[in-house]
Amino acid sequence: MLTIFMTFLIILFASIIQATTGFGFSLVAVPLLSIFLPLKDFIPMLVLFSFLLSFFLFKNLAGNYNKKRIIILAFSGLSSTIFGIFMLKFIDDNILKFAVGCIILISSVLMLFGIRVKVKVRILGDIIAGAVSGFLNGSVSLSGPPVILLLSNEGAEKETFRKTLTTYFLLLNFISLPIFFFNGLLTRDIVLKSLINLPALGIGMFLGLIIGNRISEGHFKKITLGMILVLGIMSIMSAIL
């Protein structure tokens, strides 16, 4: 009973963060849910919820996005998602979480000190970010960090940042769901758990949109960087403890 209650609260909190910033759903949910459940028991549910969140937010967020860029990111992600799912099935959870946490933490610290990586050929940066994102999506449902870091590194404006991430997540998760299903990971039990937690998702989306629309550009960037830093630490801690 405690696990059901805590799962509901975590989904609620994570969806508020996602609707506010355009990312963070899995970044928040994975470390917290892994305290109560093994990754294989909730990763497919998070991918399903990420798709539903992205679909809702795409229709309700302002801002522009580059269609060509989204396609490059999504298909690069698709190419590595299957490999990520293979890792989820056969590699220890803690190894994956620790590796992801280290990458997030190091990247966020570099950005905190104003260090940016200059990518001369943007399409190459998009392909690399998309491929790493797809691998993490399939293995630990953390597709966000590589693309978040890519956009933060470029200093993308608030509305462009949120719309680009949301569009990318929508396309990637739409493609990923059938892959999870055919690999036997999106089961009847996962669907039932998703239905139980669906109200938390809906309430969180509603509250997050209200909060996100009231945050200034300057505060948004500070919150985004702070979130990345904290969640990197959380991922590492959940792997160690």
Protein backbone atom coordinates (compact mmCIF):
# COMPACT_ATOMS: atom_id res chain seq x y z
CA MET A 1 0.00 0.00 0.00
CA LEU A 2 2.87 2.37 0.86
CA THR A 3 4.48 1.66 -2.51
CA ILE A 4 1.24 2.52 -4.36
CA PHE A 5 0.84 5.77 -2.40
CA MET A 6 4.47 6.85 -2.89
CA THR A 7 4.33 6.00 -6.60
CA PHE A 8 1.27 8.23 -6.98
CA LEU A 9 2.99 11.15 -5.19
CA ILE A 10 6.19 10.77 -7.22
CA ILE A 11 4.27 10.75 -10.53
CA LEU A 12 2.38 13.87 -9.39
CA PHE A 13 5.58 15.73 -8.47
CA ALA A 14 7.44 14.62 -11.59
CA SER A 15 4.63 15.70 -13.92
CA ILE A 16 4.52 19.15 -12.28
CA ILE A 17 8.23 19.55 -12.97
CA GLN A 18 7.84 18.37 -16.57
CA ALA A 19 4.97 20.73 -17.35
CA THR A 20 6.81 23.64 -15.70
CA THR A 21 10.19 23.28 -17.41
CA GLY A 22 9.54 21.06 -20.43
CA PHE A 23 11.64 18.25 -18.98
CA GLY A 24 12.34 16.42 -15.72
CA PHE A 25 9.59 13.80 -15.57
CA SER A 26 11.85 10.75 -15.74
CA LEU A 27 14.78 12.62 -14.18
CA VAL A 28 12.69 13.07 -11.05
CA ALA A 29 10.73 9.82 -11.18
CA VAL A 30 13.53 7.33 -11.89
CA PRO A 31 15.72 8.00 -8.81
CA LEU A 32 12.71 8.22 -6.48
CA LEU A 33 10.78 5.23 -7.82
CA SER A 34 13.93 3.10 -7.81
CA ILE A 35 13.89 3.37 -4.01
CA PHE A 36 10.69 1.29 -3.98
CA LEU A 37 10.75 -0.67 -7.25
CA PRO A 38 13.25 -2.27 -9.65
CA LEU A 39 13.70 -0.41 -12.95
CA LYS A 40 12.00 -3.11 -15.03
CA ASP A 41 8.78 -2.64 -13.02
CA PHE A 42 8.29 1.04 -13.86
CA ILE A 43 10.43 2.14 -16.82
CA PRO A 44 7.79 1.13 -19.44
CA MET A 45 5.14 3.04 -17.44
CA LEU A 46 7.32 6.15 -17.43
CA VAL A 47 7.81 5.93 -21.19
CA LEU A 48 4.03 5.66 -21.64
CA PHE A 49 3.45 8.62 -19.30
CA SER A 50 6.17 10.64 -21.02
CA PHE A 51 4.34 10.16 -24.30
CA LEU A 52 1.01 11.29 -22.79
CA LEU A 53 2.68 14.30 -21.13
CA SER A 54 4.40 15.33 -24.34
CA PHE A 55 1.19 14.99 -26.36
CA PHE A 56 -0.71 17.22 -23.93
CA LEU A 57 2.08 19.80 -23.56
CA PHE A 58 2.72 19.99 -27.31
CA LYS A 59 -0.82 21.24 -27.81
CA ASN A 60 -0.61 23.75 -24.94
CA LEU A 61 2.88 25.25 -25.12
CA ALA A 62 3.82 28.32 -27.12
CA GLY A 63 7.16 28.65 -28.90
CA ASN A 64 8.76 27.41 -32.10
CA TYR A 65 10.86 24.41 -33.00
CA ASN A 66 12.99 23.36 -35.97
CA LYS A 67 11.28 20.42 -37.70
CA LYS A 68 14.45 19.21 -39.41
CA ARG A 69 16.31 19.24 -36.12
CA ILE A 70 13.58 17.27 -34.35
CA ILE A 71 13.65 14.60 -37.07
CA ILE A 72 17.45 14.26 -36.79
CA LEU A 73 17.28 13.98 -33.00
CA ALA A 74 14.39 11.50 -33.07
CA PHE A 75 15.82 9.13 -35.67
CA SER A 76 19.23 9.22 -34.04
CA GLY A 77 17.45 8.32 -30.80
CA LEU A 78 15.51 5.51 -32.45
CA SER A 79 18.71 3.93 -33.75
CA SER A 80 20.03 3.45 -30.22
CA THR A 81 16.79 2.83 -28.27
CA ILE A 82 16.82 -0.90 -29.07
CA PHE A 83 20.36 -1.19 -27.69
CA GLY A 84 19.21 0.65 -24.57
CA ILE A 85 16.33 -1.82 -24.08
CA PHE A 86 18.83 -4.67 -24.39
CA MET A 87 20.89 -3.05 -21.61
CA LEU A 88 17.78 -2.73 -19.41
CA LYS A 89 17.09 -6.45 -19.75
CA PHE A 90 20.62 -7.68 -19.05
CA ILE A 91 22.72 -5.04 -17.24
CA ASP A 92 22.54 -4.22 -13.52
CA ASP A 93 20.28 -1.23 -12.74
CA ASN A 94 22.77 0.50 -10.45
CA ILE A 95 25.54 0.56 -13.06
CA LEU A 96 23.26 2.37 -15.50
CA LYS A 97 21.96 4.86 -12.90
CA PHE A 98 25.46 5.66 -11.63
CA ALA A 99 26.80 6.27 -15.14
CA VAL A 100 23.87 8.55 -16.03
CA GLY A 101 24.22 10.48 -12.76
CA CYS A 102 27.93 11.11 -13.35
CA ILE A 103 27.30 12.41 -16.88
CA ILE A 104 24.52 14.74 -15.71
CA LEU A 105 26.51 16.02 -12.72
CA ILE A 106 29.70 16.76 -14.64
CA SER A 107 27.81 18.51 -17.43
CA SER A 108 25.75 20.66 -15.06
CA VAL A 109 28.83 21.74 -13.08
CA LEU A 110 30.56 22.81 -16.30
CA MET A 111 27.51 24.89 -17.30
CA LEU A 112 27.27 26.34 -13.79
CA PHE A 113 30.72 27.84 -14.29
CA GLY A 114 29.75 29.15 -17.71
CA ILE A 115 31.71 26.57 -19.69
CA ARG A 116 30.12 25.85 -23.05
CA VAL A 117 31.12 23.31 -25.68
CA LYS A 118 31.36 24.92 -29.11
CA VAL A 119 29.91 22.60 -31.74
CA LYS A 120 31.02 23.79 -35.18
CA VAL A 121 28.73 21.39 -37.07
CA ARG A 122 25.33 21.53 -35.36
CA ILE A 123 23.95 18.48 -37.15
CA LEU A 124 26.78 16.39 -35.68
CA GLY A 125 25.91 17.61 -32.18
CA ASP A 126 22.25 16.75 -32.80
CA ILE A 127 23.10 13.24 -34.00
CA ILE A 128 25.30 12.53 -30.97
CA ALA A 129 22.78 13.98 -28.51
CA GLY A 130 19.94 12.03 -30.15
CA ALA A 131 21.85 8.74 -30.12
CA VAL A 132 22.82 9.02 -26.45
CA SER A 133 19.29 10.12 -25.62
CA GLY A 134 17.78 7.09 -27.34
CA PHE A 135 20.09 4.70 -25.54
CA LEU A 136 19.19 6.23 -22.16
CA ASN A 137 15.49 6.20 -23.08
CA GLY A 138 15.54 2.48 -23.72
CA SER A 139 17.65 1.59 -20.69
CA VAL A 140 16.55 3.91 -17.88
CA SER A 141 13.82 6.15 -19.40
CA LEU A 142 16.13 9.17 -19.15
CA SER A 143 16.07 10.48 -22.71
CA GLY A 144 16.17 14.09 -21.55
CA PRO A 145 19.71 14.87 -20.31
CA PRO A 146 21.62 14.83 -23.63
CA VAL A 147 19.08 17.07 -25.42
CA ILE A 148 18.61 19.28 -22.34
CA LEU A 149 22.36 19.77 -22.11
CA LEU A 150 22.53 20.44 -25.86
CA LEU A 151 19.90 23.22 -25.69
CA SER A 152 21.27 24.66 -22.43
CA ASN A 153 24.74 24.74 -23.97
CA GLU A 154 23.30 26.83 -26.82
CA GLY A 155 21.47 29.17 -24.43
CA ALA A 156 18.06 28.45 -25.98
CA GLU A 157 15.22 30.79 -24.92
CA LYS A 158 12.57 29.52 -22.51
CA GLU A 159 9.71 28.94 -24.97
CA THR A 160 11.96 27.45 -27.67
CA PHE A 161 13.57 25.22 -25.03
CA ARG A 162 10.24 23.87 -23.76
CA LYS A 163 8.66 23.42 -27.21
CA THR A 164 11.71 21.70 -28.73
CA LEU A 165 12.05 19.25 -25.85
CA THR A 166 8.34 18.49 -25.79
CA THR A 167 8.21 17.84 -29.55
CA TYR A 168 11.28 15.61 -29.39
CA PHE A 169 9.93 13.59 -26.43
CA LEU A 170 6.58 13.19 -28.18
CA LEU A 171 8.13 11.72 -31.33
CA LEU A 172 10.73 9.57 -29.53
CA ASN A 173 8.27 8.03 -27.10
CA PHE A 174 5.70 7.42 -29.83
CA ILE A 175 8.34 5.39 -31.66
CA SER A 176 9.66 3.72 -28.48
CA LEU A 177 6.37 2.35 -27.12
CA PRO A 178 5.93 -0.38 -29.78
CA ILE A 179 9.56 -1.42 -29.21
CA PHE A 180 8.89 -1.90 -25.49
CA PHE A 181 5.72 -3.83 -26.31
CA PHE A 182 7.37 -6.25 -28.75
CA ASN A 183 10.20 -6.84 -26.27
CA GLY A 184 7.67 -7.98 -23.66
CA LEU A 185 8.23 -5.03 -21.33
CA LEU A 186 4.91 -3.18 -21.79
CA THR A 187 2.72 -5.75 -20.06
CA ARG A 188 -0.87 -5.87 -18.78
CA ASP A 189 0.42 -5.28 -15.25
CA ILE A 190 2.25 -2.13 -16.39
CA VAL A 191 -0.91 -0.81 -18.06
CA LEU A 192 -2.93 -1.39 -14.86
CA LYS A 193 -0.31 0.47 -12.79
CA SER A 194 -0.44 3.29 -15.32
CA LEU A 195 -4.22 3.60 -15.02
CA ILE A 196 -3.96 3.83 -11.22
CA ASN A 197 -1.46 6.69 -11.49
CA LEU A 198 -3.10 8.49 -14.41
CA PRO A 199 -4.92 11.04 -12.16
CA ALA A 200 -1.57 12.09 -10.67
CA LEU A 201 -0.28 12.73 -14.17
CA GLY A 202 -3.29 14.87 -15.09
CA ILE A 203 -3.21 16.98 -11.93
CA GLY A 204 0.53 17.50 -12.28
CA MET A 205 0.24 18.65 -15.89
CA PHE A 206 -2.42 21.20 -14.99
CA LEU A 207 -0.45 22.68 -12.07
CA GLY A 208 2.85 22.66 -13.94
CA LEU A 209 1.49 24.63 -16.90
CA ILE A 210 0.21 27.34 -14.56
CA ILE A 211 3.58 27.60 -12.80
CA GLY A 212 5.64 27.46 -16.01
CA ASN A 213 3.76 30.29 -17.70
CA ARG A 214 4.44 32.59 -14.73
CA ILE A 215 8.22 32.04 -14.52
CA SER A 216 10.50 34.70 -16.07
CA GLU A 217 13.24 33.84 -18.59
CA GLY A 218 16.02 34.48 -16.08
CA HIS A 219 14.46 32.41 -13.31
CA PHE A 220 13.65 29.64 -15.80
CA LYS A 221 17.31 29.17 -16.76
CA LYS A 222 18.40 29.13 -13.11
CA ILE A 223 15.73 26.58 -12.23
CA THR A 224 16.67 24.44 -15.22
CA LEU A 225 20.36 24.35 -14.31
CA GLY A 226 19.58 23.73 -10.64
CA MET A 227 17.29 20.85 -11.58
CA ILE A 228 19.95 19.21 -13.73
CA LEU A 229 22.53 19.49 -10.93
CA VAL A 230 20.25 18.10 -8.20
CA LEU A 231 18.95 15.27 -10.34
CA GLY A 232 22.45 14.20 -11.29
CA ILE A 233 23.24 13.85 -7.59
CA MET A 234 19.97 12.00 -6.99
CA SER A 235 20.76 9.49 -9.73
CA ILE A 236 24.19 8.77 -8.27
CA MET A 237 22.81 8.44 -4.73
CA SER A 238 20.05 6.05 -5.81
CA ALA A 239 22.70 3.82 -7.41
CA ILE A 240 24.95 3.82 -4.34
CA LEU A 241 22.33 3.42 -1.58
